[in-house]
Amino acid sequence: MLNSIKKISNPAFFKGVICSISPPDIKIFKFGKVPLLAWNVPMRSLPLWHLYWNSEDGSEFRLRNQILHLNRDQMILIPPHTFFGTEMNRPFEHLYIDFHVNVPYFDKIPPHPILFPAEPYLKLLNTRCEDYSLRVISLYALLFQVLLNLPESVFESADSDPMDDRVAKALNMIEECFPVVPDNSRLARKVGMSVSCFQRLFKQHTGIPPKQYILNLRLDTARNLLLNSKLSIDEIALSTGFSSRYHFSKIFSAVFKCPPRRFRRNYGILPIDIEAILDGRNKKVFDPKNSISEKYCK
């Protein structure tokens, strides 16, 4: 027995037999399973994947030319840059995972929501782990299962006209420079286009103009910080690129029909330590001197 152990523990054995396999580049940015009084989010297009499940029937998922009615026996997966809004006007429990997938195989999926039965995933959906690390593992297990089980038809229906490389580059610039994002003229110059052609091409692929896309990104980040952080409203305004608390409150109230303070009071529930997986991104107030990408933002 000892001899066999010695043989197995020989470094040469491990060198020849065992290799290190890196996990796929899939990262969760925000997640939660929270009770909500409503789920009314304006039309938007964002660079992340989203996975949603609601405990009650009756929520609406609005696209540009279509309305999907979601039931509690369904889950919905939303690829990046899908132009959508949501509506639900009664209390329910809402599970959400916002994540990034840097796996070229999934780039072929077009920006259109994917509905599928929730039943195979109910065990993971209802997992309640006291240990934080186990909770995160269960969420990644859920994502991996969902992505692995996507039907071939999802890939077969991919658009024959994929996202233009120039738009993809502009989206990367916006994400890297956020919250201080280059204006349209700088974005257009960086991708080698005139401003008018760039705006037209950007809207063709995302459904909205660049300025609206950036505003949606600011508002969505601010909404999540209101719900899932203890930053003050002044800090949130600064961290998301608004010029002042007044400017932020005015825009936020116009879009969400509710001022930020009341929004946080009504919906701001902290069931998990969400900041622990944000990698510090939302824990500090934005400092313009240290956050601008030299490559893209000048």
C-alpha atoms as a PDB file:
ATOM      1  CA  MET A   1       0.000   0.000   0.000  1.00  0.00           C
ATOM      2  CA  LEU A   2       2.759   2.422   0.969  1.00  0.00           C
ATOM      3  CA  ASN A   3       4.678   1.554  -2.176  1.00  0.00           C
ATOM      4  CA  SER A   4       1.692   2.332  -4.324  1.00  0.00           C
ATOM      5  CA  ILE A   5       1.202   5.645  -2.549  1.00  0.00           C
ATOM      6  CA  LYS A   6       4.834   6.517  -3.187  1.00  0.00           C
ATOM      7  CA  LYS A   7       4.435   5.748  -6.855  1.00  0.00           C
ATOM      8  CA  ILE A   8       1.273   7.839  -7.187  1.00  0.00           C
ATOM      9  CA  SER A   9       2.860  10.761  -5.360  1.00  0.00           C
ATOM     10  CA  ASN A  10       5.783  10.806  -7.765  1.00  0.00           C
ATOM     11  CA  PRO A  11       5.905  14.272  -9.439  1.00  0.00           C
ATOM     12  CA  ALA A  12       6.518  12.651 -12.806  1.00  0.00           C
ATOM     13  CA  PHE A  13       3.196  10.816 -12.519  1.00  0.00           C
ATOM     14  CA  PHE A  14       1.268  14.038 -11.964  1.00  0.00           C
ATOM     15  CA  LYS A  15       3.182  15.760 -14.718  1.00  0.00           C
ATOM     16  CA  GLY A  16       2.154  13.134 -17.227  1.00  0.00           C
ATOM     17  CA  VAL A  17      -1.394  12.361 -16.106  1.00  0.00           C
ATOM     18  CA  ILE A  18      -2.979  15.336 -14.375  1.00  0.00           C
ATOM     19  CA  CYS A  19      -3.455  18.721 -15.972  1.00  0.00           C
ATOM     20  CA  SER A  20      -5.093  21.910 -14.784  1.00  0.00           C
ATOM     21  CA  ILE A  21      -8.356  22.761 -16.561  1.00  0.00           C
ATOM     22  CA  SER A  22      -9.470  26.361 -16.240  1.00  0.00           C
ATOM     23  CA  PRO A  23     -13.200  27.009 -15.817  1.00  0.00           C
ATOM     24  CA  PRO A  24     -15.035  28.877 -18.609  1.00  0.00           C
ATOM     25  CA  ASP A  25     -14.915  32.655 -18.365  1.00  0.00           C
ATOM     26  CA  ILE A  26     -18.385  33.180 -16.897  1.00  0.00           C
ATOM     27  CA  LYS A  27     -18.719  35.793 -14.144  1.00  0.00           C
ATOM     28  CA  ILE A  28     -21.720  36.778 -12.039  1.00  0.00           C
ATOM     29  CA  PHE A  29     -21.978  40.531 -11.436  1.00  0.00           C
ATOM     30  CA  LYS A  30     -25.274  40.843  -9.574  1.00  0.00           C
ATOM     31  CA  PHE A  31     -27.707  38.352  -8.128  1.00  0.00           C
ATOM     32  CA  GLY A  32     -30.526  38.072  -5.657  1.00  0.00           C
ATOM     33  CA  LYS A  33     -33.758  36.363  -4.732  1.00  0.00           C
ATOM     34  CA  VAL A  34     -35.919  39.084  -3.263  1.00  0.00           C
ATOM     35  CA  PRO A  35     -39.564  39.983  -2.669  1.00  0.00           C
ATOM     36  CA  LEU A  36     -40.653  42.880  -4.887  1.00  0.00           C
ATOM     37  CA  LEU A  37     -43.778  45.005  -4.763  1.00  0.00           C
ATOM     38  CA  ALA A  38     -43.539  45.635  -8.515  1.00  0.00           C
ATOM     39  CA  TRP A  39     -41.228  45.043 -11.476  1.00  0.00           C
ATOM     40  CA  ASN A  40     -41.612  47.998 -13.802  1.00  0.00           C
ATOM     41  CA  VAL A  41     -38.415  48.651 -15.735  1.00  0.00           C
ATOM     42  CA  PRO A  42     -38.312  50.878 -18.849  1.00  0.00           C
ATOM     43  CA  MET A  43     -37.055  49.656 -22.217  1.00  0.00           C
ATOM     44  CA  ARG A  44     -33.301  49.181 -22.116  1.00  0.00           C
ATOM     45  CA  SER A  45     -30.392  47.370 -23.730  1.00  0.00           C
ATOM     46  CA  LEU A  46     -27.412  46.293 -21.620  1.00  0.00           C
ATOM     47  CA  PRO A  47     -24.107  44.436 -22.206  1.00  0.00           C
ATOM     48  CA  LEU A  48     -24.815  41.617 -19.710  1.00  0.00           C
ATOM     49  CA  TRP A  49     -26.696  38.337 -19.805  1.00  0.00           C
ATOM     50  CA  HIS A  50     -29.732  38.130 -17.489  1.00  0.00           C
ATOM     51  CA  LEU A  51     -31.508  35.119 -15.991  1.00  0.00           C
ATOM     52  CA  TYR A  52     -34.918  35.738 -14.358  1.00  0.00           C
ATOM     53  CA  TRP A  53     -37.516  33.669 -12.540  1.00  0.00           C
ATOM     54  CA  ASN A  54     -40.658  34.983 -10.818  1.00  0.00           C
ATOM     55  CA  SER A  55     -42.653  33.136  -8.172  1.00  0.00           C
ATOM     56  CA  GLU A  56     -46.021  34.406  -9.472  1.00  0.00           C
ATOM     57  CA  ASP A  57     -47.775  34.496 -12.842  1.00  0.00           C
ATOM     58  CA  GLY A  58     -48.593  37.739 -14.601  1.00  0.00           C
ATOM     59  CA  SER A  59     -45.341  39.543 -15.327  1.00  0.00           C
ATOM     60  CA  GLU A  60     -44.806  40.995 -18.798  1.00  0.00           C
ATOM     61  CA  PHE A  61     -41.606  41.049 -20.779  1.00  0.00           C
ATOM     62  CA  ARG A  62     -41.825  43.756 -23.435  1.00  0.00           C
ATOM     63  CA  LEU A  63     -39.827  43.734 -26.676  1.00  0.00           C
ATOM     64  CA  ARG A  64     -39.955  46.273 -29.487  1.00  0.00           C
ATOM     65  CA  ASN A  65     -42.773  44.495 -31.347  1.00  0.00           C
ATOM     66  CA  GLN A  66     -43.880  41.797 -28.922  1.00  0.00           C
ATOM     67  CA  ILE A  67     -45.068  41.197 -25.352  1.00  0.00           C
ATOM     68  CA  LEU A  68     -44.224  37.918 -23.610  1.00  0.00           C
ATOM     69  CA  HIS A  69     -46.309  36.828 -20.620  1.00  0.00           C
ATOM     70  CA  LEU A  70     -44.188  35.052 -18.021  1.00  0.00           C
ATOM     71  CA  ASN A  71     -45.520  32.349 -15.704  1.00  0.00           C
ATOM     72  CA  ARG A  72     -43.996  30.922 -12.559  1.00  0.00           C
ATOM     73  CA  ASP A  73     -43.282  27.646 -14.341  1.00  0.00           C
ATOM     74  CA  GLN A  74     -40.972  29.456 -16.791  1.00  0.00           C
ATOM     75  CA  MET A  75     -37.518  30.982 -16.658  1.00  0.00           C
ATOM     76  CA  ILE A  76     -36.200  33.533 -19.107  1.00  0.00           C
ATOM     77  CA  LEU A  77     -32.636  33.950 -20.339  1.00  0.00           C
ATOM     78  CA  ILE A  78     -31.761  37.255 -21.962  1.00  0.00           C
ATOM     79  CA  PRO A  79     -28.622  37.561 -24.127  1.00  0.00           C
ATOM     80  CA  PRO A  80     -26.606  40.807 -24.139  1.00  0.00           C
ATOM     81  CA  HIS A  81     -27.950  43.828 -26.011  1.00  0.00           C
ATOM     82  CA  THR A  82     -31.537  42.585 -26.038  1.00  0.00           C
ATOM     83  CA  PHE A  83     -33.847  45.617 -26.096  1.00  0.00           C
ATOM     84  CA  PHE A  84     -36.502  44.932 -23.444  1.00  0.00           C
ATOM     85  CA  GLY A  85     -38.608  46.238 -20.573  1.00  0.00           C
ATOM     86  CA  THR A  86     -40.636  44.566 -17.823  1.00  0.00           C
ATOM     87  CA  GLU A  87     -43.934  45.144 -16.023  1.00  0.00           C
ATOM     88  CA  MET A  88     -45.493  43.537 -12.951  1.00  0.00           C
ATOM     89  CA  ASN A  89     -47.862  45.356 -10.605  1.00  0.00           C
ATOM     90  CA  ARG A  90     -48.282  43.039  -7.643  1.00  0.00           C
ATOM     91  CA  PRO A  91     -45.937  41.497  -5.052  1.00  0.00           C
ATOM     92  CA  PHE A  92     -43.873  38.435  -5.944  1.00  0.00           C
ATOM     93  CA  GLU A  93     -40.490  36.828  -5.310  1.00  0.00           C
ATOM     94  CA  HIS A  94     -37.945  37.602  -8.002  1.00  0.00           C
ATOM     95  CA  LEU A  95     -34.718  35.733  -8.758  1.00  0.00           C
ATOM     96  CA  TYR A  96     -32.224  37.544 -10.955  1.00  0.00           C
ATOM     97  CA  ILE A  97     -28.669  36.825 -12.054  1.00  0.00           C
ATOM     98  CA  ASP A  98     -26.772  39.333 -14.204  1.00  0.00           C
ATOM     99  CA  PHE A  99     -23.654  37.772 -15.656  1.00  0.00           C
ATOM    100  CA  HIS A 100     -20.979  37.910 -18.329  1.00  0.00           C
ATOM    101  CA  VAL A 101     -20.131  35.056 -20.708  1.00  0.00           C
ATOM    102  CA  ASN A 102     -16.781  35.314 -22.453  1.00  0.00           C
ATOM    103  CA  VAL A 103     -17.128  32.065 -24.408  1.00  0.00           C
ATOM    104  CA  PRO A 104     -17.142  32.531 -28.221  1.00  0.00           C
ATOM    105  CA  TYR A 105     -19.546  29.610 -28.711  1.00  0.00           C
ATOM    106  CA  PHE A 106     -22.361  31.638 -27.129  1.00  0.00           C
ATOM    107  CA  ASP A 107     -21.659  34.749 -29.189  1.00  0.00           C
ATOM    108  CA  LYS A 108     -23.729  33.111 -31.945  1.00  0.00           C
ATOM    109  CA  ILE A 109     -26.951  33.517 -29.941  1.00  0.00           C
ATOM    110  CA  PRO A 110     -28.956  36.518 -31.207  1.00  0.00           C
ATOM    111  CA  PRO A 111     -30.256  39.243 -28.842  1.00  0.00           C
ATOM    112  CA  HIS A 112     -33.676  37.707 -28.240  1.00  0.00           C
ATOM    113  CA  PRO A 113     -35.085  36.255 -24.985  1.00  0.00           C
ATOM    114  CA  ILE A 114     -35.148  32.490 -24.478  1.00  0.00           C
ATOM    115  CA  LEU A 115     -38.036  30.968 -22.492  1.00  0.00           C
ATOM    116  CA  PHE A 116     -37.744  27.488 -20.996  1.00  0.00           C
ATOM    117  CA  PRO A 117     -39.404  25.378 -18.268  1.00  0.00           C
ATOM    118  CA  ALA A 118     -38.317  26.101 -14.701  1.00  0.00           C
ATOM    119  CA  GLU A 119     -39.153  22.631 -13.375  1.00  0.00           C
ATOM    120  CA  PRO A 120     -35.720  21.001 -14.048  1.00  0.00           C
ATOM    121  CA  TYR A 121     -34.063  23.810 -12.085  1.00  0.00           C
ATOM    122  CA  LEU A 122     -36.449  24.128  -9.131  1.00  0.00           C
ATOM    123  CA  LYS A 123     -34.095  22.367  -6.732  1.00  0.00           C
ATOM    124  CA  LEU A 124     -31.344  24.883  -7.446  1.00  0.00           C
ATOM    125  CA  LEU A 125     -33.811  27.778  -7.507  1.00  0.00           C
ATOM    126  CA  ASN A 126     -35.004  26.890  -4.022  1.00  0.00           C
ATOM    127  CA  THR A 127     -31.573  26.175  -2.569  1.00  0.00           C
ATOM    128  CA  ARG A 128     -31.037  28.247   0.565  1.00  0.00           C
ATOM    129  CA  CYS A 129     -27.424  27.996   1.693  1.00  0.00           C
ATOM    130  CA  GLU A 130     -26.381  29.695   4.900  1.00  0.00           C
ATOM    131  CA  ASP A 131     -22.763  29.571   3.803  1.00  0.00           C
ATOM    132  CA  TYR A 132     -22.073  32.361   1.313  1.00  0.00           C
ATOM    133  CA  SER A 133     -19.575  30.380  -0.787  1.00  0.00           C
ATOM    134  CA  LEU A 134     -22.069  27.524  -1.189  1.00  0.00           C
ATOM    135  CA  ARG A 135     -24.697  30.030  -2.264  1.00  0.00           C
ATOM    136  CA  VAL A 136     -22.403  31.317  -5.009  1.00  0.00           C
ATOM    137  CA  ILE A 137     -21.556  27.754  -6.103  1.00  0.00           C
ATOM    138  CA  SER A 138     -25.270  26.943  -6.413  1.00  0.00           C
ATOM    139  CA  LEU A 139     -25.794  30.020  -8.609  1.00  0.00           C
ATOM    140  CA  TYR A 140     -22.938  29.062 -10.923  1.00  0.00           C
ATOM    141  CA  ALA A 141     -24.276  25.487 -11.042  1.00  0.00           C
ATOM    142  CA  LEU A 142     -27.635  26.915 -12.143  1.00  0.00           C
ATOM    143  CA  LEU A 143     -26.023  29.033 -14.873  1.00  0.00           C
ATOM    144  CA  PHE A 144     -23.901  26.173 -16.178  1.00  0.00           C
ATOM    145  CA  GLN A 145     -26.918  23.865 -16.369  1.00  0.00           C
ATOM    146  CA  VAL A 146     -29.016  26.467 -18.180  1.00  0.00           C
ATOM    147  CA  LEU A 147     -26.286  27.202 -20.731  1.00  0.00           C
ATOM    148  CA  LEU A 148     -25.514  23.517 -21.301  1.00  0.00           C
ATOM    149  CA  ASN A 149     -29.180  22.709 -21.869  1.00  0.00           C
ATOM    150  CA  LEU A 150     -29.832  25.384 -24.490  1.00  0.00           C
ATOM    151  CA  PRO A 151     -31.437  23.714 -27.520  1.00  0.00           C
ATOM    152  CA  GLU A 152     -29.740  23.660 -30.903  1.00  0.00           C
ATOM    153  CA  SER A 153     -32.592  25.749 -32.293  1.00  0.00           C
ATOM    154  CA  VAL A 154     -31.318  28.727 -30.284  1.00  0.00           C
ATOM    155  CA  PHE A 155     -28.072  28.654 -32.240  1.00  0.00           C
ATOM    156  CA  GLU A 156     -29.728  27.746 -35.538  1.00  0.00           C
ATOM    157  CA  SER A 157     -31.907  30.850 -35.320  1.00  0.00           C
ATOM    158  CA  ALA A 158     -28.873  33.094 -34.974  1.00  0.00           C
ATOM    159  CA  ASP A 159     -28.965  36.134 -37.215  1.00  0.00           C
ATOM    160  CA  SER A 160     -27.083  35.794 -40.471  1.00  0.00           C
ATOM    161  CA  ASP A 161     -25.901  39.369 -39.859  1.00  0.00           C
ATOM    162  CA  PRO A 162     -23.926  39.292 -36.561  1.00  0.00           C
ATOM    163  CA  MET A 163     -23.054  42.413 -34.603  1.00  0.00           C
ATOM    164  CA  ASP A 164     -20.746  44.710 -36.545  1.00  0.00           C
ATOM    165  CA  ASP A 165     -17.191  44.715 -35.138  1.00  0.00           C
ATOM    166  CA  ARG A 166     -17.273  48.509 -34.875  1.00  0.00           C
ATOM    167  CA  VAL A 167     -20.379  48.460 -32.704  1.00  0.00           C
ATOM    168  CA  ALA A 168     -18.860  45.704 -30.571  1.00  0.00           C
ATOM    169  CA  LYS A 169     -15.732  47.812 -30.127  1.00  0.00           C
ATOM    170  CA  ALA A 170     -17.820  50.842 -29.146  1.00  0.00           C
ATOM    171  CA  LEU A 171     -19.737  48.761 -26.591  1.00  0.00           C
ATOM    172  CA  ASN A 172     -16.451  47.561 -25.107  1.00  0.00           C
ATOM    173  CA  MET A 173     -15.246  51.158 -24.875  1.00  0.00           C
ATOM    174  CA  ILE A 174     -18.431  52.208 -23.101  1.00  0.00           C
ATOM    175  CA  GLU A 175     -18.080  49.382 -20.592  1.00  0.00           C
ATOM    176  CA  GLU A 176     -14.367  49.993 -19.956  1.00  0.00           C
ATOM    177  CA  CYS A 177     -14.724  53.753 -19.534  1.00  0.00           C
ATOM    178  CA  PHE A 178     -17.941  53.724 -17.508  1.00  0.00           C
ATOM    179  CA  PRO A 179     -19.031  55.968 -15.855  1.00  0.00           C
ATOM    180  CA  VAL A 180     -16.972  58.585 -17.775  1.00  0.00           C
ATOM    181  CA  VAL A 181     -17.927  57.529 -21.301  1.00  0.00           C
ATOM    182  CA  PRO A 182     -16.639  59.173 -24.505  1.00  0.00           C
ATOM    183  CA  ASP A 183     -19.211  61.210 -26.407  1.00  0.00           C
ATOM    184  CA  ASN A 184     -20.527  60.154 -29.823  1.00  0.00           C
ATOM    185  CA  SER A 185     -17.841  62.009 -31.747  1.00  0.00           C
ATOM    186  CA  ARG A 186     -15.035  60.286 -29.813  1.00  0.00           C
ATOM    187  CA  LEU A 187     -16.665  56.878 -30.082  1.00  0.00           C
ATOM    188  CA  ALA A 188     -17.175  57.380 -33.833  1.00  0.00           C
ATOM    189  CA  ARG A 189     -13.562  58.486 -34.289  1.00  0.00           C
ATOM    190  CA  LYS A 190     -12.223  55.478 -32.367  1.00  0.00           C
ATOM    191  CA  VAL A 191     -14.118  53.062 -34.642  1.00  0.00           C
ATOM    192  CA  GLY A 192     -13.291  54.967 -37.837  1.00  0.00           C
ATOM    193  CA  MET A 193     -16.756  56.271 -38.740  1.00  0.00           C
ATOM    194  CA  SER A 194     -18.575  59.546 -39.150  1.00  0.00           C
ATOM    195  CA  VAL A 195     -20.859  60.454 -36.248  1.00  0.00           C
ATOM    196  CA  SER A 196     -24.069  60.072 -38.257  1.00  0.00           C
ATOM    197  CA  CYS A 197     -23.086  56.672 -39.695  1.00  0.00           C
ATOM    198  CA  PHE A 198     -21.966  55.475 -36.280  1.00  0.00           C
ATOM    199  CA  GLN A 199     -25.232  56.508 -34.600  1.00  0.00           C
ATOM    200  CA  ARG A 200     -27.278  54.823 -37.315  1.00  0.00           C
ATOM    201  CA  LEU A 201     -25.258  51.580 -37.156  1.00  0.00           C
ATOM    202  CA  PHE A 202     -25.309  51.540 -33.339  1.00  0.00           C
ATOM    203  CA  LYS A 203     -29.104  51.873 -33.238  1.00  0.00           C
ATOM    204  CA  GLN A 204     -29.479  49.174 -35.887  1.00  0.00           C
ATOM    205  CA  HIS A 205     -27.704  46.664 -33.619  1.00  0.00           C
ATOM    206  CA  THR A 206     -28.866  47.735 -30.143  1.00  0.00           C
ATOM    207  CA  GLY A 207     -32.302  49.210 -30.818  1.00  0.00           C
ATOM    208  CA  ILE A 208     -31.469  52.600 -29.284  1.00  0.00           C
ATOM    209  CA  PRO A 209     -29.056  55.506 -29.946  1.00  0.00           C
ATOM    210  CA  PRO A 210     -25.685  55.590 -28.139  1.00  0.00           C
ATOM    211  CA  LYS A 211     -26.741  58.341 -25.713  1.00  0.00           C
ATOM    212  CA  GLN A 212     -29.849  56.424 -24.661  1.00  0.00           C
ATOM    213  CA  TYR A 213     -27.813  53.227 -24.275  1.00  0.00           C
ATOM    214  CA  ILE A 214     -25.338  54.995 -21.968  1.00  0.00           C
ATOM    215  CA  LEU A 215     -28.147  56.636 -19.967  1.00  0.00           C
ATOM    216  CA  ASN A 216     -29.833  53.239 -19.542  1.00  0.00           C
ATOM    217  CA  LEU A 217     -26.543  51.807 -18.307  1.00  0.00           C
ATOM    218  CA  ARG A 218     -26.190  54.623 -15.766  1.00  0.00           C
ATOM    219  CA  LEU A 219     -29.765  54.220 -14.559  1.00  0.00           C
ATOM    220  CA  ASP A 220     -29.575  50.443 -14.314  1.00  0.00           C
ATOM    221  CA  THR A 221     -26.331  50.631 -12.328  1.00  0.00           C
ATOM    222  CA  ALA A 222     -27.860  53.272 -10.058  1.00  0.00           C
ATOM    223  CA  ARG A 223     -31.018  51.178  -9.590  1.00  0.00           C
ATOM    224  CA  ASN A 224     -28.952  48.189  -8.498  1.00  0.00           C
ATOM    225  CA  LEU A 225     -26.886  50.319  -6.127  1.00  0.00           C
ATOM    226  CA  LEU A 226     -30.062  51.696  -4.562  1.00  0.00           C
ATOM    227  CA  LEU A 227     -31.337  48.162  -4.034  1.00  0.00           C
ATOM    228  CA  ASN A 228     -28.138  46.394  -3.103  1.00  0.00           C
ATOM    229  CA  SER A 229     -25.684  48.820  -1.505  1.00  0.00           C
ATOM    230  CA  LYS A 230     -25.523  51.253   1.400  1.00  0.00           C
ATOM    231  CA  LEU A 231     -24.022  54.081  -0.652  1.00  0.00           C
ATOM    232  CA  SER A 232     -25.714  57.450  -0.178  1.00  0.00           C
ATOM    233  CA  ILE A 233     -27.705  58.905  -3.057  1.00  0.00           C
ATOM    234  CA  ASP A 234     -24.988  61.534  -3.568  1.00  0.00           C
ATOM    235  CA  GLU A 235     -22.381  58.756  -3.831  1.00  0.00           C
ATOM    236  CA  ILE A 236     -24.544  56.773  -6.238  1.00  0.00           C
ATOM    237  CA  ALA A 237     -25.041  59.840  -8.446  1.00  0.00           C
ATOM    238  CA  LEU A 238     -21.272  60.385  -8.609  1.00  0.00           C
ATOM    239  CA  SER A 239     -20.472  56.696  -9.061  1.00  0.00           C
ATOM    240  CA  THR A 240     -22.757  56.387 -12.077  1.00  0.00           C
ATOM    241  CA  GLY A 241     -21.608  59.513 -13.897  1.00  0.00           C
ATOM    242  CA  PHE A 242     -24.384  62.014 -13.150  1.00  0.00           C
ATOM    243  CA  SER A 243     -23.271  65.601 -12.686  1.00  0.00           C
ATOM    244  CA  SER A 244     -25.089  66.031  -9.366  1.00  0.00           C
ATOM    245  CA  ARG A 245     -27.613  64.457  -7.029  1.00  0.00           C
ATOM    246  CA  TYR A 246     -30.238  66.830  -8.397  1.00  0.00           C
ATOM    247  CA  HIS A 247     -29.560  65.785 -12.000  1.00  0.00           C
ATOM    248  CA  PHE A 248     -29.616  62.097 -11.039  1.00  0.00           C
ATOM    249  CA  SER A 249     -32.856  62.404  -9.048  1.00  0.00           C
ATOM    250  CA  LYS A 250     -34.566  64.308 -11.854  1.00  0.00           C
ATOM    251  CA  ILE A 251     -33.678  61.722 -14.541  1.00  0.00           C
ATOM    252  CA  PHE A 252     -34.333  58.732 -12.281  1.00  0.00           C
ATOM    253  CA  SER A 253     -37.756  60.059 -11.244  1.00  0.00           C
ATOM    254  CA  ALA A 254     -38.746  60.706 -14.852  1.00  0.00           C
ATOM    255  CA  VAL A 255     -37.851  57.158 -15.939  1.00  0.00           C
ATOM    256  CA  PHE A 256     -38.936  55.093 -12.922  1.00  0.00           C
ATOM    257  CA  LYS A 257     -41.839  57.363 -11.860  1.00  0.00           C
ATOM    258  CA  CYS A 258     -40.396  57.396  -8.357  1.00  0.00           C
ATOM    259  CA  PRO A 259     -37.603  59.444  -6.718  1.00  0.00           C
ATOM    260  CA  PRO A 260     -34.471  57.502  -5.695  1.00  0.00           C
ATOM    261  CA  ARG A 261     -35.035  57.818  -1.938  1.00  0.00           C
ATOM    262  CA  ARG A 262     -38.571  56.443  -2.129  1.00  0.00           C
ATOM    263  CA  PHE A 263     -37.478  53.741  -4.576  1.00  0.00           C
ATOM    264  CA  ARG A 264     -34.871  52.525  -2.083  1.00  0.00           C
ATOM    265  CA  ARG A 265     -37.342  52.681   0.806  1.00  0.00           C
ATOM    266  CA  ASN A 266     -39.967  50.671  -1.089  1.00  0.00           C
ATOM    267  CA  TYR A 267     -37.765  48.111  -2.812  1.00  0.00           C
ATOM    268  CA  GLY A 268     -34.338  48.230  -1.199  1.00  0.00           C
ATOM    269  CA  ILE A 269     -34.028  44.808   0.399  1.00  0.00           C
ATOM    270  CA  LEU A 270     -30.604  43.334   1.226  1.00  0.00           C
ATOM    271  CA  PRO A 271     -31.084  39.552   1.496  1.00  0.00           C
ATOM    272  CA  ILE A 272     -27.462  38.756   0.570  1.00  0.00           C
ATOM    273  CA  ASP A 273     -24.028  40.294   0.739  1.00  0.00           C
ATOM    274  CA  ILE A 274     -24.110  41.222  -2.924  1.00  0.00           C
ATOM    275  CA  GLU A 275     -21.056  43.483  -2.683  1.00  0.00           C
ATOM    276  CA  ALA A 276     -18.838  40.492  -1.942  1.00  0.00           C
ATOM    277  CA  ILE A 277     -18.984  39.327  -5.571  1.00  0.00           C
ATOM    278  CA  LEU A 278     -18.844  42.725  -7.253  1.00  0.00           C
ATOM    279  CA  ASP A 279     -15.052  42.629  -6.936  1.00  0.00           C
ATOM    280  CA  GLY A 280     -15.024  46.060  -5.357  1.00  0.00           C
ATOM    281  CA  ARG A 281     -16.517  47.722  -8.420  1.00  0.00           C
ATOM    282  CA  ASN A 282     -19.403  49.398  -6.584  1.00  0.00           C
ATOM    283  CA  LYS A 283     -17.888  49.664  -3.120  1.00  0.00           C
ATOM    284  CA  LYS A 284     -15.957  52.858  -3.722  1.00  0.00           C
ATOM    285  CA  VAL A 285     -17.132  56.203  -4.967  1.00  0.00           C
ATOM    286  CA  PHE A 286     -15.996  56.974  -8.487  1.00  0.00           C
ATOM    287  CA  ASP A 287     -12.797  58.999  -8.749  1.00  0.00           C
ATOM    288  CA  PRO A 288     -12.394  60.517 -12.242  1.00  0.00           C
ATOM    289  CA  LYS A 289      -8.614  60.746 -11.811  1.00  0.00           C
ATOM    290  CA  ASN A 290      -8.214  56.998 -11.435  1.00  0.00           C
ATOM    291  CA  SER A 291     -11.020  55.516 -13.539  1.00  0.00           C
ATOM    292  CA  ILE A 292     -10.631  56.801 -17.081  1.00  0.00           C
ATOM    293  CA  SER A 293      -9.209  54.286 -19.537  1.00  0.00           C
ATOM    294  CA  GLU A 294      -6.139  55.775 -21.207  1.00  0.00           C
ATOM    295  CA  LYS A 295      -6.743  53.631 -24.264  1.00  0.00           C
ATOM    296  CA  TYR A 296     -10.286  54.680 -25.086  1.00  0.00           C
ATOM    297  CA  CYS A 297     -11.476  57.656 -23.079  1.00  0.00           C
ATOM    298  CA  LYS A 298      -9.199  60.478 -24.147  1.00  0.00           C
END
